[in-house]
Amino acid sequence: MEELRTKRSKIKKHLGGLFSAGVNFENLNGRLKEAQVEGRRWKRACELVVWEQRQRESVVMTQIHGFEEELAKSQAIAARQRQLGIEVEQMLSLNWRRIYQEILNLREQVNFQNQDHEVIVKEQGDRAEAWRIEHSNLAEFANKLVREISRMFKRVDGVANFHNTPQEVIKFIRLCDVMLKEFKAYLKRAMEAPL
């Protein structure tokens, strides 16, 4: 009888251990399922971040399209980059690292071209300012010249005698008067014209 009790006790212990192991396995299965759900959630979050990054890159590329002649090359690179993005989606499982590196290289080229464009824009701004100053100086010179010629013309016209002065000189004086009036009218139109 004692032996029977000992066997029953051992059997109960084994059954308790098996029950405990079963509960542990159920707990582990529950944790595993939770980890899988968490993994899927992280995967979706990662995909969302990648999608948002692609959206940001698309916005940046759209802004870059506004640049003039120098950025025509950048637009071609951006089109190539978008094409590479499509190819990346199609070939991602095969060789995504190589394609990703190409995209990084293209982005770097766009950045270099943007820097070049900024330098060119500054140079063109400096040139425009130099031309504006030169034009202003030329206009000032022309205005002074017109005023001076006008004074000289009045002096000569007042001194010239119709009977004593040769007709060629009088004709020249009259032509100078016409030229001065036309030049003043031209300057007036030029000053009123919008830039």
Protein backbone atom coordinates (compact mmCIF):
# COMPACT_ATOMS: atom_id res chain seq x y z
CA MET A 1 0.00 0.00 0.00
CA GLU A 2 2.77 2.27 0.86
CA GLU A 3 4.24 1.50 -2.47
CA LEU A 4 0.96 2.40 -4.17
CA ARG A 5 0.89 5.75 -2.39
CA THR A 6 4.44 6.44 -3.45
CA LYS A 7 3.57 5.61 -7.06
CA ARG A 8 0.45 7.79 -6.90
CA SER A 9 2.48 10.60 -5.41
CA LYS A 10 5.06 10.28 -8.18
CA ILE A 11 2.32 10.15 -10.82
CA LYS A 12 0.71 13.30 -9.33
CA LYS A 13 4.07 15.05 -9.36
CA HIS A 14 4.63 14.06 -12.99
CA LEU A 15 1.11 15.12 -13.94
CA GLY A 16 1.63 18.42 -12.10
CA GLY A 17 4.93 18.94 -13.93
CA LEU A 18 3.29 18.14 -17.28
CA PHE A 19 0.42 20.48 -16.47
CA SER A 20 2.90 23.18 -15.48
CA ALA A 21 4.88 22.62 -18.71
CA GLY A 22 1.64 22.84 -20.71
CA VAL A 23 0.80 26.14 -19.03
CA ASN A 24 4.33 27.39 -19.75
CA PHE A 25 3.95 26.38 -23.40
CA GLU A 26 0.62 28.18 -23.59
CA ASN A 27 2.25 31.27 -22.05
CA LEU A 28 5.10 31.02 -24.53
CA ASN A 29 2.64 30.62 -27.41
CA GLY A 30 0.77 33.68 -26.16
CA ARG A 31 3.99 35.67 -25.98
CA LEU A 32 4.99 34.45 -29.42
CA LYS A 33 1.66 35.60 -30.87
CA GLU A 34 2.05 38.97 -29.13
CA ALA A 35 5.58 39.27 -30.51
CA GLN A 36 4.30 38.45 -34.01
CA VAL A 37 1.57 41.10 -33.71
CA GLU A 38 4.15 43.57 -32.42
CA GLY A 39 6.50 42.64 -35.28
CA ARG A 40 3.74 43.26 -37.85
CA ARG A 41 2.96 46.59 -36.19
CA TRP A 42 6.64 47.61 -36.38
CA LYS A 43 6.80 46.46 -39.99
CA ARG A 44 3.77 48.63 -40.87
CA ALA A 45 5.31 51.56 -38.97
CA CYS A 46 8.58 51.06 -40.86
CA GLU A 47 6.72 50.91 -44.19
CA LEU A 48 4.89 54.11 -43.24
CA VAL A 49 8.19 55.83 -42.44
CA VAL A 50 9.63 54.67 -45.78
CA TRP A 51 6.50 55.89 -47.57
CA GLU A 52 6.68 59.26 -45.78
CA GLN A 53 10.37 59.52 -46.68
CA ARG A 54 9.53 58.86 -50.32
CA GLN A 55 6.78 61.46 -50.15
CA ARG A 56 9.24 64.00 -48.71
CA GLU A 57 11.73 63.20 -51.45
CA SER A 58 8.99 63.67 -54.04
CA VAL A 59 8.13 67.11 -52.59
CA VAL A 60 11.80 68.11 -52.66
CA MET A 61 12.11 66.97 -56.27
CA THR A 62 8.99 68.96 -57.21
CA GLN A 63 10.51 72.12 -55.73
CA ILE A 64 13.74 71.55 -57.62
CA HIS A 65 11.85 71.55 -60.95
CA GLY A 66 11.42 75.34 -60.61
CA PHE A 67 15.06 76.10 -61.40
CA GLU A 68 16.07 77.44 -64.81
CA GLU A 69 18.58 76.22 -67.43
CA GLU A 70 21.23 74.98 -65.05
CA LEU A 71 18.76 72.66 -63.33
CA ALA A 72 17.66 70.92 -66.53
CA LYS A 73 20.30 68.34 -65.69
CA SER A 74 18.82 67.99 -62.21
CA GLN A 75 15.40 67.33 -63.68
CA ALA A 76 16.83 64.53 -65.81
CA ILE A 77 18.49 63.05 -62.73
CA ALA A 78 15.22 63.35 -60.78
CA ALA A 79 13.37 61.49 -63.54
CA ARG A 80 16.06 58.84 -63.42
CA GLN A 81 15.72 58.69 -59.65
CA ARG A 82 11.95 58.21 -59.90
CA GLN A 83 12.53 55.48 -62.47
CA LEU A 84 15.02 53.89 -60.11
CA GLY A 85 12.42 54.08 -57.36
CA ILE A 86 10.02 52.08 -59.53
CA GLU A 87 12.75 49.61 -60.37
CA VAL A 88 13.63 49.33 -56.68
CA GLU A 89 10.06 48.33 -55.90
CA GLN A 90 10.17 45.70 -58.68
CA MET A 91 13.63 44.34 -57.92
CA LEU A 92 13.84 44.99 -54.18
CA SER A 93 14.14 41.35 -53.22
CA LEU A 94 16.95 40.75 -55.75
CA ASN A 95 19.42 43.61 -55.45
CA TRP A 96 18.03 46.41 -53.29
CA ARG A 97 21.42 47.43 -51.90
CA ARG A 98 22.87 48.27 -55.32
CA ILE A 99 19.80 50.26 -56.34
CA TYR A 100 19.63 52.03 -53.00
CA GLN A 101 23.27 53.10 -53.45
CA GLU A 102 22.44 54.45 -56.93
CA ILE A 103 19.64 56.52 -55.42
CA LEU A 104 22.01 57.89 -52.80
CA ASN A 105 24.53 58.75 -55.53
CA LEU A 106 21.86 60.51 -57.59
CA ARG A 107 20.69 62.46 -54.55
CA GLU A 108 24.30 63.53 -53.95
CA GLN A 109 24.58 64.66 -57.59
CA VAL A 110 21.37 66.70 -57.21
CA ASN A 111 22.80 68.31 -54.08
CA PHE A 112 26.03 69.18 -55.92
CA GLN A 113 24.05 70.65 -58.81
CA ASN A 114 21.92 72.66 -56.40
CA GLN A 115 25.08 74.08 -54.88
CA ASP A 116 26.40 74.89 -58.37
CA HIS A 117 23.09 76.56 -59.21
CA GLU A 118 23.28 78.71 -56.07
CA VAL A 119 26.77 79.86 -57.08
CA ILE A 120 25.56 80.65 -60.61
CA VAL A 121 22.52 82.55 -59.29
CA LYS A 122 24.80 84.64 -57.04
CA GLU A 123 27.19 85.33 -59.92
CA GLN A 124 24.30 86.36 -62.17
CA GLY A 125 22.94 88.61 -59.41
CA ASP A 126 26.35 90.25 -59.08
CA ARG A 127 26.53 90.71 -62.85
CA ALA A 128 23.04 92.20 -62.94
CA GLU A 129 23.99 94.64 -60.18
CA ALA A 130 27.16 95.61 -62.07
CA TRP A 131 25.12 96.18 -65.26
CA ARG A 132 22.57 98.22 -63.31
CA ILE A 133 25.33 100.43 -61.91
CA GLU A 134 26.93 100.75 -65.36
CA HIS A 135 23.55 101.64 -66.91
CA SER A 136 22.92 104.19 -64.18
CA ASN A 137 26.34 105.77 -64.78
CA LEU A 138 25.73 105.81 -68.53
CA ALA A 139 22.31 107.41 -68.05
CA GLU A 140 23.82 110.04 -65.77
CA PHE A 141 26.55 110.73 -68.35
CA ALA A 142 23.94 111.03 -71.13
CA ASN A 143 21.83 113.42 -69.04
CA LYS A 144 24.85 115.62 -68.31
CA LEU A 145 25.82 115.52 -71.97
CA VAL A 146 22.32 116.54 -73.08
CA ARG A 147 22.28 119.43 -70.60
CA GLU A 148 25.78 120.56 -71.67
CA ILE A 149 25.01 120.29 -75.40
CA SER A 150 21.75 122.13 -74.80
CA ARG A 151 23.62 125.01 -73.12
CA MET A 152 26.21 125.07 -75.90
CA PHE A 153 23.46 125.05 -78.50
CA LYS A 154 21.73 128.02 -76.88
CA ARG A 155 25.02 129.95 -76.79
CA VAL A 156 25.82 129.14 -80.41
CA ASP A 157 22.25 129.81 -81.51
CA GLY A 158 22.28 133.17 -79.74
CA VAL A 159 25.64 134.15 -81.28
CA ALA A 160 25.00 132.94 -84.81
CA ASN A 161 23.85 135.65 -87.18
CA PHE A 162 21.62 134.57 -90.03
CA HIS A 163 23.39 136.89 -92.52
CA ASN A 164 27.03 136.45 -91.41
CA THR A 165 27.09 132.71 -90.63
CA PRO A 166 27.42 130.26 -93.53
CA GLN A 167 24.23 128.35 -94.36
CA GLU A 168 25.92 124.99 -93.67
CA VAL A 169 26.65 126.09 -90.09
CA ILE A 170 23.09 127.35 -89.60
CA LYS A 171 21.78 124.07 -91.05
CA PHE A 172 24.06 122.15 -88.67
CA ILE A 173 22.79 124.21 -85.71
CA ARG A 174 19.18 123.43 -86.69
CA LEU A 175 19.99 119.71 -87.06
CA CYS A 176 21.59 119.81 -83.60
CA ASP A 177 18.37 121.35 -82.26
CA VAL A 178 16.28 118.54 -83.84
CA MET A 179 18.71 115.91 -82.57
CA LEU A 180 18.58 117.32 -79.02
CA LYS A 181 14.78 117.34 -79.01
CA GLU A 182 14.65 113.73 -80.27
CA PHE A 183 17.30 112.63 -77.78
CA LYS A 184 15.41 114.28 -74.89
CA ALA A 185 12.17 112.61 -75.99
CA TYR A 186 13.94 109.25 -76.24
CA LEU A 187 15.44 109.68 -72.75
CA LYS A 188 12.03 110.62 -71.37
CA ARG A 189 10.44 107.48 -72.87
CA ALA A 190 13.31 105.35 -71.58
CA MET A 191 12.98 106.78 -68.06
CA GLU A 192 9.22 106.16 -68.00
CA ALA A 193 9.44 102.61 -69.37
CA PRO A 194 9.08 99.85 -66.76
CA LEU A 195 12.16 97.70 -66.16
